[in-house]
Amino acid sequence: MSPSTGPVTGPLAWHIGLVGYGEVGRILAEDLRARGVASVVACDVKLGGDQELPLREHAARHGVELIASHAALAERADFIISAVTASQTVPAAEACAGTVRRGAWFLDFNSASPAAKQRAAAAIDAAGAAYVEGAVMTSVPPYRIRVPLLLGGARAAELLPDLGTLGFNASVASDQLGVASAIKMCRSVMIKGLEAMVIEAFTAARGYGVEAQVLASLAETFPGIDWERQGTYFFQRVILHGRRRAEEMREAAETVREIGLEPWSAGGTAERQAWMADLADRGELGARTEPSFGGSADWRIEADRILRNLKR
């Protein structure tokens, strides 16, 4: 902001803490700083490990202060955004609860079941802070901070205008905790399930040498989808984020289970995503780079790598 605009006030003057400095956390940090937020701090479990250097380089470029612990971050932040892997949703909230400021906001950005969000909320609310459930409704990178975000909880509507000032594209789904996450998780059963089905079907078709016929049939049934392009995108996304997606799908399975329905599809999707992540971790698949619909990669390359691995 230029000096003529006067002192920074309102949400732009908040001390914002990012719990999790992975892909989502770094995107939010960049956009919040670009928006004019003066103080952004972050912590991540990767600090102190072999992935620490890239995080520190990114933080230095964007004026973000890295902090060693959740507790140290929570005691400084007016507004905390939790963007960790699904399995860490409740532990992250509990780790912040001991030192979180009374009256501070806690926005839970994580892909977790309604019950997990309710447990996280209980920890934060008991400490005197204000928990708001967030459900990210599509992939973050194309939209960045403007990704469609559903809010839930008794104070969600109160936080909404401030999120708009910070640049978020949020709307309130319900004043009841768990509704926004139920929408997100049920959607994930479909979207992440489609990724897993495409990988399985396309790889099998490639193995049998019938991919041209399968793709032609899909195009006839669903003419609005470019299956070549979509297939490549799905393969790339799962190679890059399969581990995180597997955790999300375990939460989606738990969401289905919480209403008494056995989550056969969601559970299978979690296993396929984790299986792909294992192959990627071992270097059996292509480079973990951000997928682009404009890229030249071909899903067949990855399918062939999978097939060669199966023959070993």
Protein backbone atom coordinates (compact mmCIF):
# COMPACT_ATOMS: atom_id res chain seq x y z
CA MET A 1 0.00 0.00 0.00
CA SER A 2 1.22 3.52 -0.71
CA PRO A 3 1.85 5.95 2.18
CA SER A 4 -1.01 8.12 0.97
CA THR A 5 -3.56 5.48 1.87
CA GLY A 6 -2.80 5.86 5.57
CA PRO A 7 -2.20 3.15 8.14
CA VAL A 8 -3.33 -0.40 7.44
CA THR A 9 -6.46 -1.26 9.40
CA GLY A 10 -8.97 -4.10 9.63
CA PRO A 11 -8.09 -7.61 8.47
CA LEU A 12 -5.09 -6.37 6.49
CA ALA A 13 -3.54 -5.38 9.83
CA TRP A 14 -4.03 -8.83 11.34
CA HIS A 15 -1.13 -11.08 12.25
CA ILE A 16 -2.03 -14.07 10.08
CA GLY A 17 -0.70 -17.53 10.91
CA LEU A 18 -0.57 -20.38 8.42
CA VAL A 19 -0.51 -23.84 9.96
CA GLY A 20 0.90 -25.85 7.07
CA TYR A 21 3.24 -24.39 4.45
CA GLY A 22 2.65 -26.88 1.67
CA GLU A 23 1.21 -26.06 -1.74
CA VAL A 24 -1.95 -24.43 -0.37
CA GLY A 25 -0.21 -22.60 2.46
CA ARG A 26 2.38 -21.11 0.11
CA ILE A 27 -0.27 -19.95 -2.36
CA LEU A 28 -2.24 -18.29 0.43
CA ALA A 29 0.92 -16.66 1.76
CA GLU A 30 1.77 -15.20 -1.64
CA ASP A 31 -1.73 -13.83 -2.21
CA LEU A 32 -2.18 -12.46 1.30
CA ARG A 33 1.12 -10.61 1.08
CA ALA A 34 0.19 -9.30 -2.37
CA ARG A 35 -3.11 -8.14 -0.93
CA GLY A 36 -1.26 -5.97 1.58
CA VAL A 37 -1.20 -8.12 4.71
CA ALA A 38 1.91 -6.98 6.55
CA SER A 39 2.42 -9.92 8.91
CA VAL A 40 2.22 -13.53 7.74
CA VAL A 41 3.84 -16.28 9.81
CA ALA A 42 3.82 -19.99 9.09
CA CYS A 43 4.83 -23.33 10.57
CA ASP A 44 5.14 -26.72 8.97
CA VAL A 45 6.18 -30.18 10.13
CA LYS A 46 8.74 -30.26 7.29
CA LEU A 47 10.81 -27.59 9.01
CA GLY A 48 13.90 -29.27 10.37
CA GLY A 49 13.76 -32.00 7.71
CA ASP A 50 15.27 -32.50 4.26
CA GLN A 51 12.54 -30.35 2.67
CA GLU A 52 13.22 -27.32 4.85
CA LEU A 53 15.40 -25.35 2.42
CA PRO A 54 12.75 -24.83 -0.31
CA LEU A 55 10.28 -23.66 2.33
CA ARG A 56 12.75 -21.15 3.72
CA GLU A 57 13.64 -19.90 0.24
CA HIS A 58 9.97 -19.38 -0.58
CA ALA A 59 9.29 -17.65 2.73
CA ALA A 60 12.23 -15.31 2.21
CA ARG A 61 11.04 -14.35 -1.27
CA HIS A 62 7.55 -13.48 -0.05
CA GLY A 63 8.22 -11.93 3.32
CA VAL A 64 6.82 -14.77 5.41
CA GLU A 65 8.27 -15.58 8.82
CA LEU A 66 8.65 -19.28 9.56
CA ILE A 67 8.02 -20.39 13.14
CA ALA A 68 9.09 -23.66 14.68
CA SER A 69 5.86 -24.72 16.40
CA HIS A 70 2.07 -24.51 16.29
CA ALA A 71 2.06 -23.13 19.83
CA ALA A 72 4.43 -20.26 19.00
CA LEU A 73 2.37 -19.39 15.94
CA ALA A 74 -0.95 -19.48 17.79
CA GLU A 75 0.15 -17.11 20.53
CA ARG A 76 1.01 -14.45 17.92
CA ALA A 77 -1.83 -14.77 15.40
CA ASP A 78 -5.09 -12.85 15.20
CA PHE A 79 -6.25 -15.16 12.41
CA ILE A 80 -5.06 -18.76 11.93
CA ILE A 81 -5.59 -20.74 8.74
CA SER A 82 -5.07 -24.48 9.14
CA ALA A 83 -4.06 -26.05 5.80
CA VAL A 84 -2.55 -29.42 6.67
CA THR A 85 -3.12 -32.97 5.47
CA ALA A 86 -6.52 -34.42 6.35
CA SER A 87 -5.26 -36.74 9.07
CA GLN A 88 -3.71 -33.76 10.90
CA THR A 89 -6.91 -31.70 11.08
CA VAL A 90 -7.66 -32.43 14.74
CA PRO A 91 -4.02 -32.65 15.97
CA ALA A 92 -3.25 -29.25 14.38
CA ALA A 93 -6.22 -27.62 16.11
CA GLU A 94 -5.30 -29.22 19.42
CA ALA A 95 -1.68 -28.11 19.06
CA CYS A 96 -2.83 -24.50 18.62
CA ALA A 97 -5.49 -24.57 21.34
CA GLY A 98 -3.07 -24.36 24.24
CA THR A 99 -1.76 -20.92 23.28
CA VAL A 100 -4.35 -19.49 20.89
CA ARG A 101 -5.42 -15.94 21.68
CA ARG A 102 -8.87 -15.42 23.12
CA GLY A 103 -11.00 -13.91 20.38
CA ALA A 104 -8.69 -15.01 17.57
CA TRP A 105 -10.15 -16.58 14.45
CA PHE A 106 -9.32 -20.14 13.39
CA LEU A 107 -10.27 -21.05 9.80
CA ASP A 108 -10.03 -24.79 9.17
CA PHE A 109 -9.19 -25.19 5.48
CA ASN A 110 -8.73 -28.95 5.68
CA SER A 111 -10.51 -31.76 3.86
CA ALA A 112 -11.89 -33.71 6.79
CA SER A 113 -15.10 -35.41 7.84
CA PRO A 114 -17.85 -33.49 9.67
CA ALA A 115 -17.02 -35.31 12.90
CA ALA A 116 -13.33 -34.40 12.61
CA LYS A 117 -14.23 -30.74 12.08
CA GLN A 118 -16.48 -30.84 15.14
CA ARG A 119 -13.64 -32.27 17.27
CA ALA A 120 -11.26 -29.59 16.01
CA ALA A 121 -13.84 -26.91 16.76
CA ALA A 122 -14.31 -28.17 20.30
CA ALA A 123 -10.60 -27.71 21.03
CA ILE A 124 -10.44 -24.19 19.60
CA ASP A 125 -13.74 -22.95 21.02
CA ALA A 126 -12.85 -24.25 24.50
CA ALA A 127 -9.74 -22.06 24.39
CA GLY A 128 -11.82 -18.94 23.75
CA ALA A 129 -11.05 -18.53 20.06
CA ALA A 130 -13.58 -18.67 17.21
CA TYR A 131 -13.52 -21.74 14.97
CA VAL A 132 -14.93 -21.51 11.44
CA GLU A 133 -15.19 -24.54 9.20
CA GLY A 134 -13.94 -24.15 5.65
CA ALA A 135 -14.52 -26.48 2.71
CA VAL A 136 -12.46 -25.87 -0.44
CA MET A 137 -14.66 -26.85 -3.35
CA THR A 138 -12.14 -27.38 -6.16
CA SER A 139 -8.42 -27.47 -6.85
CA VAL A 140 -6.65 -24.45 -5.33
CA PRO A 141 -3.85 -23.69 -7.86
CA PRO A 142 -5.99 -22.42 -10.77
CA TYR A 143 -8.02 -20.11 -8.50
CA ARG A 144 -5.48 -19.42 -5.78
CA ILE A 145 -6.99 -17.44 -2.88
CA ARG A 146 -10.17 -17.00 -4.96
CA VAL A 147 -10.92 -20.72 -4.86
CA PRO A 148 -14.61 -21.29 -3.99
CA LEU A 149 -14.79 -21.75 -0.22
CA LEU A 150 -17.80 -22.84 1.82
CA LEU A 151 -17.97 -21.74 5.46
CA GLY A 152 -19.75 -23.30 8.39
CA GLY A 153 -20.26 -22.64 12.07
CA ALA A 154 -22.06 -20.26 14.37
CA ARG A 155 -19.71 -17.36 13.59
CA ALA A 156 -19.11 -18.05 9.89
CA ALA A 157 -21.29 -15.15 8.74
CA GLU A 158 -19.40 -12.81 11.07
CA LEU A 159 -16.06 -13.72 9.51
CA LEU A 160 -17.33 -13.55 5.90
CA PRO A 161 -16.81 -9.79 5.27
CA ASP A 162 -13.26 -9.91 6.62
CA LEU A 163 -12.43 -12.86 4.36
CA GLY A 164 -13.66 -10.80 1.42
CA THR A 165 -11.30 -7.99 2.41
CA LEU A 166 -8.43 -10.49 2.46
CA GLY A 167 -9.31 -11.67 -1.04
CA PHE A 168 -11.10 -14.96 -0.35
CA ASN A 169 -14.09 -16.08 -2.42
CA ALA A 170 -16.20 -17.45 0.43
CA SER A 171 -19.87 -18.07 1.09
CA VAL A 172 -21.69 -19.41 4.13
CA ALA A 173 -23.10 -22.92 3.73
CA SER A 174 -24.60 -23.23 7.21
CA ASP A 175 -24.33 -22.01 10.79
CA GLN A 176 -24.14 -25.69 11.75
CA LEU A 177 -20.70 -27.28 11.90
CA GLY A 178 -20.21 -30.20 9.55
CA VAL A 179 -22.53 -29.15 6.73
CA ALA A 180 -19.83 -27.52 4.60
CA SER A 181 -17.53 -30.51 5.07
CA ALA A 182 -20.31 -32.95 4.22
CA ILE A 183 -20.78 -31.13 0.91
CA LYS A 184 -17.04 -31.22 0.25
CA MET A 185 -16.56 -34.87 1.22
CA CYS A 186 -19.53 -36.17 -0.77
CA ARG A 187 -18.23 -34.27 -3.79
CA SER A 188 -14.79 -35.82 -3.25
CA VAL A 189 -16.28 -39.31 -3.41
CA MET A 190 -17.18 -38.44 -7.00
CA ILE A 191 -14.22 -36.31 -8.09
CA LYS A 192 -11.37 -38.26 -6.52
CA GLY A 193 -13.21 -41.47 -7.37
CA LEU A 194 -13.29 -40.43 -11.02
CA GLU A 195 -9.53 -39.88 -10.91
CA ALA A 196 -8.99 -43.37 -9.53
CA MET A 197 -11.37 -44.93 -12.06
CA VAL A 198 -9.70 -43.17 -14.98
CA ILE A 199 -6.25 -44.34 -13.88
CA GLU A 200 -7.47 -47.91 -13.42
CA ALA A 201 -9.56 -48.07 -16.60
CA PHE A 202 -7.07 -46.30 -18.87
CA THR A 203 -4.11 -48.35 -17.62
CA ALA A 204 -6.03 -51.61 -18.07
CA ALA A 205 -7.18 -50.53 -21.53
CA ARG A 206 -3.59 -49.69 -22.43
CA GLY A 207 -2.49 -53.11 -21.17
CA TYR A 208 -5.02 -54.82 -23.43
CA GLY A 209 -4.28 -52.50 -26.36
CA VAL A 210 -7.87 -51.26 -26.55
CA GLU A 211 -7.47 -47.66 -25.33
CA ALA A 212 -8.57 -46.16 -28.67
CA GLN A 213 -11.86 -48.05 -28.57
CA VAL A 214 -12.46 -47.27 -24.90
CA LEU A 215 -11.80 -43.55 -25.39
CA ALA A 216 -14.06 -43.47 -28.45
CA SER A 217 -16.85 -45.10 -26.46
CA LEU A 218 -16.42 -42.64 -23.58
CA ALA A 219 -16.47 -39.72 -26.01
CA GLU A 220 -19.73 -41.00 -27.49
CA THR A 221 -21.35 -41.37 -24.06
CA PHE A 222 -19.92 -38.15 -22.58
CA PRO A 223 -19.27 -35.87 -25.59
CA GLY A 224 -18.62 -32.82 -23.40
CA ILE A 225 -15.40 -34.27 -21.92
CA ASP A 226 -12.04 -34.36 -23.69
CA TRP A 227 -10.98 -37.72 -22.25
CA GLU A 228 -7.43 -37.56 -23.60
CA ARG A 229 -6.83 -34.22 -21.94
CA GLN A 230 -8.74 -35.05 -18.77
CA GLY A 231 -6.99 -38.39 -18.42
CA THR A 232 -3.56 -36.79 -18.61
CA TYR A 233 -4.57 -34.18 -16.03
CA PHE A 234 -5.87 -36.84 -13.63
CA PHE A 235 -2.71 -38.94 -13.91
CA GLN A 236 -0.54 -35.87 -13.27
CA ARG A 237 -2.58 -34.64 -10.30
CA VAL A 238 -2.48 -38.02 -8.57
CA ILE A 239 1.26 -38.43 -9.17
CA LEU A 240 1.80 -35.02 -7.58
CA HIS A 241 -0.75 -35.20 -4.75
CA GLY A 242 -1.72 -38.86 -4.37
CA ARG A 243 -0.65 -39.06 -0.72
CA ARG A 244 -2.70 -36.03 0.27
CA ARG A 245 -5.62 -37.23 -1.82
CA ALA A 246 -5.52 -40.65 -0.17
CA GLU A 247 -5.80 -39.01 3.24
CA GLU A 248 -8.70 -36.90 2.03
CA MET A 249 -10.46 -39.98 0.70
CA ARG A 250 -10.06 -41.78 4.02
CA GLU A 251 -11.87 -38.80 5.53
CA ALA A 252 -14.48 -39.03 2.77
CA ALA A 253 -14.92 -42.71 3.59
CA GLU A 254 -15.34 -41.81 7.23
CA THR A 255 -17.96 -39.23 6.24
CA VAL A 256 -19.94 -41.92 4.41
CA ARG A 257 -19.46 -44.34 7.30
CA GLU A 258 -20.75 -41.77 9.80
CA ILE A 259 -24.24 -42.02 8.32
CA GLY A 260 -24.14 -45.83 8.45
CA LEU A 261 -23.25 -46.56 4.81
CA GLU A 262 -20.24 -48.77 4.09
CA PRO A 263 -17.85 -46.67 1.94
CA TRP A 264 -16.74 -49.25 -0.60
CA SER A 265 -16.13 -46.72 -3.39
CA ALA A 266 -14.45 -44.10 -1.23
CA GLY A 267 -12.29 -46.72 0.48
CA GLY A 268 -11.18 -48.15 -2.85
CA THR A 269 -10.35 -44.68 -4.13
CA ALA A 270 -8.17 -44.04 -1.08
CA GLU A 271 -6.26 -47.27 -1.75
CA ARG A 272 -5.69 -46.45 -5.43
CA GLN A 273 -4.51 -42.92 -4.63
CA ALA A 274 -2.12 -44.24 -1.96
CA TRP A 275 -0.86 -46.95 -4.34
CA MET A 276 -0.03 -44.30 -6.94
CA ALA A 277 1.70 -42.22 -4.28
CA ASP A 278 3.84 -45.24 -3.34
CA LEU A 279 4.93 -45.68 -6.97
CA ALA A 280 5.72 -41.99 -7.25
CA ASP A 281 7.72 -42.06 -4.01
CA ARG A 282 9.84 -44.88 -5.41
CA GLY A 283 10.51 -42.92 -8.62
CA GLU A 284 8.52 -45.35 -10.77
CA LEU A 285 6.40 -42.58 -12.33
CA GLY A 286 7.09 -39.25 -13.99
CA ALA A 287 8.29 -36.04 -12.39
CA ARG A 288 6.06 -34.47 -9.76
CA THR A 289 5.27 -31.22 -11.53
CA GLU A 290 2.13 -29.11 -11.46
CA PRO A 291 -0.21 -30.44 -14.19
CA SER A 292 -1.50 -28.18 -16.91
CA PHE A 293 -4.15 -28.73 -19.51
CA GLY A 294 -1.82 -26.95 -21.92
CA GLY A 295 1.04 -29.36 -21.30
CA SER A 296 2.37 -31.93 -23.75
CA ALA A 297 2.40 -34.93 -21.40
CA ASP A 298 0.41 -38.02 -22.37
CA TRP A 299 -1.32 -40.29 -19.88
CA ARG A 300 -0.04 -43.28 -21.90
CA ILE A 301 3.51 -42.56 -20.72
CA GLU A 302 2.46 -43.03 -17.10
CA ALA A 303 0.22 -46.01 -17.89
CA ASP A 304 3.19 -47.72 -19.56
CA ARG A 305 5.34 -47.03 -16.51
CA ILE A 306 2.69 -48.60 -14.30
CA LEU A 307 2.43 -51.64 -16.58
CA ARG A 308 6.21 -52.12 -16.61
CA ASN A 309 6.22 -51.96 -12.81
CA LEU A 310 3.51 -54.63 -12.62
CA LYS A 311 5.60 -57.00 -14.73
CA ARG A 312 8.63 -56.83 -12.42
